[in-house]
């Protein structure tokens, strides 16, 4: 995926996070138990954080020769697995989905670690402007 596509993907997922948040606050408030609504809001929050991380990766890719694709894929995978499993858990009550959620959390951690390591490596090998 090209760098600008990560920006577009992150922007679209941020749009969906705002939409999901509004739907949760207005459409689900009276339909879900408070615990399920809290779970849903965690999914929205982490989707937004990592949508912004995708945008960041896209922008940073324009300013460095280093490829940040692995970090972007980790963030995208985390959104799908972490937030997706929490949305489904909140909406369906299927408790076994809670066992899937940590895999998405690990994907988020991997994305942030890749990003950190890339920039530690970049600072040592690329000349400063």
C-alpha atoms as a PDB file:
ATOM      1  CA  UNK A   1       0.000   0.000   0.000  1.00  0.00           C
ATOM      2  CA  UNK A   2       1.370   3.405  -0.893  1.00  0.00           C
ATOM      3  CA  UNK A   3       2.030   5.956   1.836  1.00  0.00           C
ATOM      4  CA  UNK A   4      -0.890   8.166   0.827  1.00  0.00           C
ATOM      5  CA  UNK A   5      -3.181   5.167   1.026  1.00  0.00           C
ATOM      6  CA  UNK A   6      -2.276   4.778   4.710  1.00  0.00           C
ATOM      7  CA  UNK A   7      -3.358   8.387   5.215  1.00  0.00           C
ATOM      8  CA  UNK A   8      -6.609   7.704   3.368  1.00  0.00           C
ATOM      9  CA  UNK A   9      -7.199   4.444   5.248  1.00  0.00           C
ATOM     10  CA  UNK A  10      -6.527   6.088   8.607  1.00  0.00           C
ATOM     11  CA  UNK A  11      -8.791   8.997   7.731  1.00  0.00           C
ATOM     12  CA  UNK A  12     -11.627   6.694   6.704  1.00  0.00           C
ATOM     13  CA  UNK A  13     -11.244   4.586   9.852  1.00  0.00           C
ATOM     14  CA  UNK A  14     -11.240   7.789  11.948  1.00  0.00           C
ATOM     15  CA  UNK A  15     -14.465   8.804  10.181  1.00  0.00           C
ATOM     16  CA  UNK A  16     -15.949   5.416  11.067  1.00  0.00           C
ATOM     17  CA  UNK A  17     -14.788   5.813  14.686  1.00  0.00           C
ATOM     18  CA  UNK A  18     -16.626   9.130  14.982  1.00  0.00           C
ATOM     19  CA  UNK A  19     -19.688   7.578  13.369  1.00  0.00           C
ATOM     20  CA  UNK A  20     -19.528   4.554  15.698  1.00  0.00           C
ATOM     21  CA  UNK A  21     -19.036   6.819  18.709  1.00  0.00           C
ATOM     22  CA  UNK A  22     -22.067   8.910  17.817  1.00  0.00           C
ATOM     23  CA  UNK A  23     -24.112   5.781  17.195  1.00  0.00           C
ATOM     24  CA  UNK A  24     -23.049   4.394  20.571  1.00  0.00           C
ATOM     25  CA  UNK A  25     -23.810   7.627  22.406  1.00  0.00           C
ATOM     26  CA  UNK A  26     -27.205   8.169  20.798  1.00  0.00           C
ATOM     27  CA  UNK A  27     -28.453   4.934  19.255  1.00  0.00           C
ATOM     28  CA  UNK A  28     -27.171   2.346  21.700  1.00  0.00           C
ATOM     29  CA  UNK A  29     -27.316   4.231  24.991  1.00  0.00           C
ATOM     30  CA  UNK A  30     -30.745   2.880  25.844  1.00  0.00           C
ATOM     31  CA  UNK A  31     -30.291  -0.508  24.162  1.00  0.00           C
ATOM     32  CA  UNK A  32     -27.082  -1.764  25.755  1.00  0.00           C
ATOM     33  CA  UNK A  33     -26.266  -2.509  29.354  1.00  0.00           C
ATOM     34  CA  UNK A  34     -23.788   0.010  30.839  1.00  0.00           C
ATOM     35  CA  UNK A  35     -20.979  -2.586  30.816  1.00  0.00           C
ATOM     36  CA  UNK A  36     -21.560  -3.359  27.130  1.00  0.00           C
ATOM     37  CA  UNK A  37     -21.674   0.351  26.313  1.00  0.00           C
ATOM     38  CA  UNK A  38     -18.334   0.823  28.120  1.00  0.00           C
ATOM     39  CA  UNK A  39     -16.822  -1.999  26.053  1.00  0.00           C
ATOM     40  CA  UNK A  40     -18.190  -0.412  22.883  1.00  0.00           C
ATOM     41  CA  UNK A  41     -16.658   2.962  23.803  1.00  0.00           C
ATOM     42  CA  UNK A  42     -13.247   1.335  24.392  1.00  0.00           C
ATOM     43  CA  UNK A  43     -13.469  -0.084  20.859  1.00  0.00           C
ATOM     44  CA  UNK A  44     -14.267   3.374  19.472  1.00  0.00           C
ATOM     45  CA  UNK A  45     -11.449   5.022  21.422  1.00  0.00           C
ATOM     46  CA  UNK A  46      -8.775   2.551  20.332  1.00  0.00           C
ATOM     47  CA  UNK A  47      -9.999   2.648  16.750  1.00  0.00           C
ATOM     48  CA  UNK A  48      -9.557   6.427  16.772  1.00  0.00           C
ATOM     49  CA  UNK A  49      -6.112   6.317  18.385  1.00  0.00           C
ATOM     50  CA  UNK A  50      -4.834   3.854  15.853  1.00  0.00           C
ATOM     51  CA  UNK A  51      -6.547   5.492  12.889  1.00  0.00           C
ATOM     52  CA  UNK A  52      -4.486   8.548  13.812  1.00  0.00           C
ATOM     53  CA  UNK A  53      -1.428   6.282  14.053  1.00  0.00           C
ATOM     54  CA  UNK A  54      -2.063   5.140  10.465  1.00  0.00           C
ATOM     55  CA  UNK A  55      -2.243   8.767   9.345  1.00  0.00           C
ATOM     56  CA  UNK A  56       0.989   9.449  11.233  1.00  0.00           C
ATOM     57  CA  UNK A  57       2.727   6.536   9.505  1.00  0.00           C
ATOM     58  CA  UNK A  58       1.595   7.829   6.126  1.00  0.00           C
ATOM     59  CA  UNK A  59       2.826  11.348   6.838  1.00  0.00           C
ATOM     60  CA  UNK A  60       6.124  10.145   8.307  1.00  0.00           C
ATOM     61  CA  UNK A  61       6.708   7.957   5.274  1.00  0.00           C
ATOM     62  CA  UNK A  62       6.888  11.083   3.124  1.00  0.00           C
ATOM     63  CA  UNK A  63       9.713  12.438   5.291  1.00  0.00           C
ATOM     64  CA  UNK A  64      11.968   9.414   5.585  1.00  0.00           C
ATOM     65  CA  UNK A  65      13.391   6.800   3.278  1.00  0.00           C
ATOM     66  CA  UNK A  66      12.527   4.080   5.783  1.00  0.00           C
ATOM     67  CA  UNK A  67       9.546   1.867   5.032  1.00  0.00           C
ATOM     68  CA  UNK A  68       6.939   1.958   7.774  1.00  0.00           C
ATOM     69  CA  UNK A  69       4.572  -0.491   6.114  1.00  0.00           C
ATOM     70  CA  UNK A  70       4.945  -3.151   8.818  1.00  0.00           C
ATOM     71  CA  UNK A  71       3.874  -0.683  11.508  1.00  0.00           C
ATOM     72  CA  UNK A  72       0.873   0.384   9.434  1.00  0.00           C
ATOM     73  CA  UNK A  73      -0.240  -3.215   8.867  1.00  0.00           C
ATOM     74  CA  UNK A  74       0.124  -3.905  12.584  1.00  0.00           C
ATOM     75  CA  UNK A  75      -2.053  -0.891  13.433  1.00  0.00           C
ATOM     76  CA  UNK A  76      -4.661  -1.899  10.848  1.00  0.00           C
ATOM     77  CA  UNK A  77      -4.680  -5.489  12.109  1.00  0.00           C
ATOM     78  CA  UNK A  78      -5.048  -4.223  15.659  1.00  0.00           C
ATOM     79  CA  UNK A  79      -8.043  -2.087  14.731  1.00  0.00           C
ATOM     80  CA  UNK A  80      -9.764  -5.009  13.031  1.00  0.00           C
ATOM     81  CA  UNK A  81      -8.997  -7.550  15.762  1.00  0.00           C
ATOM     82  CA  UNK A  82      -9.088  -5.410  18.930  1.00  0.00           C
ATOM     83  CA  UNK A  83     -11.850  -2.950  18.116  1.00  0.00           C
ATOM     84  CA  UNK A  84     -13.736  -5.411  15.935  1.00  0.00           C
ATOM     85  CA  UNK A  85     -13.891  -8.052  18.654  1.00  0.00           C
ATOM     86  CA  UNK A  86     -14.987  -5.469  21.233  1.00  0.00           C
ATOM     87  CA  UNK A  87     -17.734  -4.116  18.945  1.00  0.00           C
ATOM     88  CA  UNK A  88     -18.999  -7.643  18.433  1.00  0.00           C
ATOM     89  CA  UNK A  89     -18.730  -8.468  22.133  1.00  0.00           C
ATOM     90  CA  UNK A  90     -20.687  -5.360  23.109  1.00  0.00           C
ATOM     91  CA  UNK A  91     -23.375  -5.901  20.486  1.00  0.00           C
ATOM     92  CA  UNK A  92     -23.790  -9.674  20.725  1.00  0.00           C
ATOM     93  CA  UNK A  93     -22.743 -10.521  24.277  1.00  0.00           C
ATOM     94  CA  UNK A  94     -20.590 -13.398  22.995  1.00  0.00           C
ATOM     95  CA  UNK A  95     -18.062 -13.557  25.840  1.00  0.00           C
ATOM     96  CA  UNK A  96     -15.561 -15.754  23.971  1.00  0.00           C
ATOM     97  CA  UNK A  97     -14.737 -12.733  21.796  1.00  0.00           C
ATOM     98  CA  UNK A  98     -12.938 -11.313  24.826  1.00  0.00           C
ATOM     99  CA  UNK A  99     -10.285 -13.981  24.269  1.00  0.00           C
ATOM    100  CA  UNK A 100      -9.579 -12.605  20.776  1.00  0.00           C
ATOM    101  CA  UNK A 101      -9.210  -8.984  21.850  1.00  0.00           C
ATOM    102  CA  UNK A 102      -5.684  -9.290  23.341  1.00  0.00           C
ATOM    103  CA  UNK A 103      -4.370 -10.413  19.940  1.00  0.00           C
ATOM    104  CA  UNK A 104      -5.381  -7.019  18.596  1.00  0.00           C
ATOM    105  CA  UNK A 105      -3.683  -5.370  21.563  1.00  0.00           C
ATOM    106  CA  UNK A 106      -0.495  -7.234  20.713  1.00  0.00           C
ATOM    107  CA  UNK A 107      -0.774  -5.986  17.122  1.00  0.00           C
ATOM    108  CA  UNK A 108      -1.034  -2.409  18.441  1.00  0.00           C
ATOM    109  CA  UNK A 109       2.047  -2.934  20.603  1.00  0.00           C
ATOM    110  CA  UNK A 110       3.971  -4.377  17.661  1.00  0.00           C
ATOM    111  CA  UNK A 111       3.028  -1.375  15.520  1.00  0.00           C
ATOM    112  CA  UNK A 112       4.268   1.107  18.117  1.00  0.00           C
ATOM    113  CA  UNK A 113       7.452  -0.893  18.697  1.00  0.00           C
ATOM    114  CA  UNK A 114       8.199  -1.061  14.971  1.00  0.00           C
ATOM    115  CA  UNK A 115       7.661   2.681  14.693  1.00  0.00           C
ATOM    116  CA  UNK A 116       9.954   3.371  17.647  1.00  0.00           C
ATOM    117  CA  UNK A 117      12.689   1.053  16.402  1.00  0.00           C
ATOM    118  CA  UNK A 118      12.544   2.436  12.870  1.00  0.00           C
ATOM    119  CA  UNK A 119      13.082   5.941  14.148  1.00  0.00           C
ATOM    120  CA  UNK A 120      15.879   4.899  16.505  1.00  0.00           C
ATOM    121  CA  UNK A 121      17.557   3.270  13.516  1.00  0.00           C
ATOM    122  CA  UNK A 122      16.812   6.196  11.183  1.00  0.00           C
ATOM    123  CA  UNK A 123      18.316   8.750  13.543  1.00  0.00           C
ATOM    124  CA  UNK A 124      21.610   6.843  13.485  1.00  0.00           C
ATOM    125  CA  UNK A 125      21.816   6.213   9.746  1.00  0.00           C
ATOM    126  CA  UNK A 126      20.185   9.153   7.976  1.00  0.00           C
ATOM    127  CA  UNK A 127      21.824  12.561   7.772  1.00  0.00           C
ATOM    128  CA  UNK A 128      19.948  15.398   9.453  1.00  0.00           C
ATOM    129  CA  UNK A 129      18.786  18.298   7.325  1.00  0.00           C
END
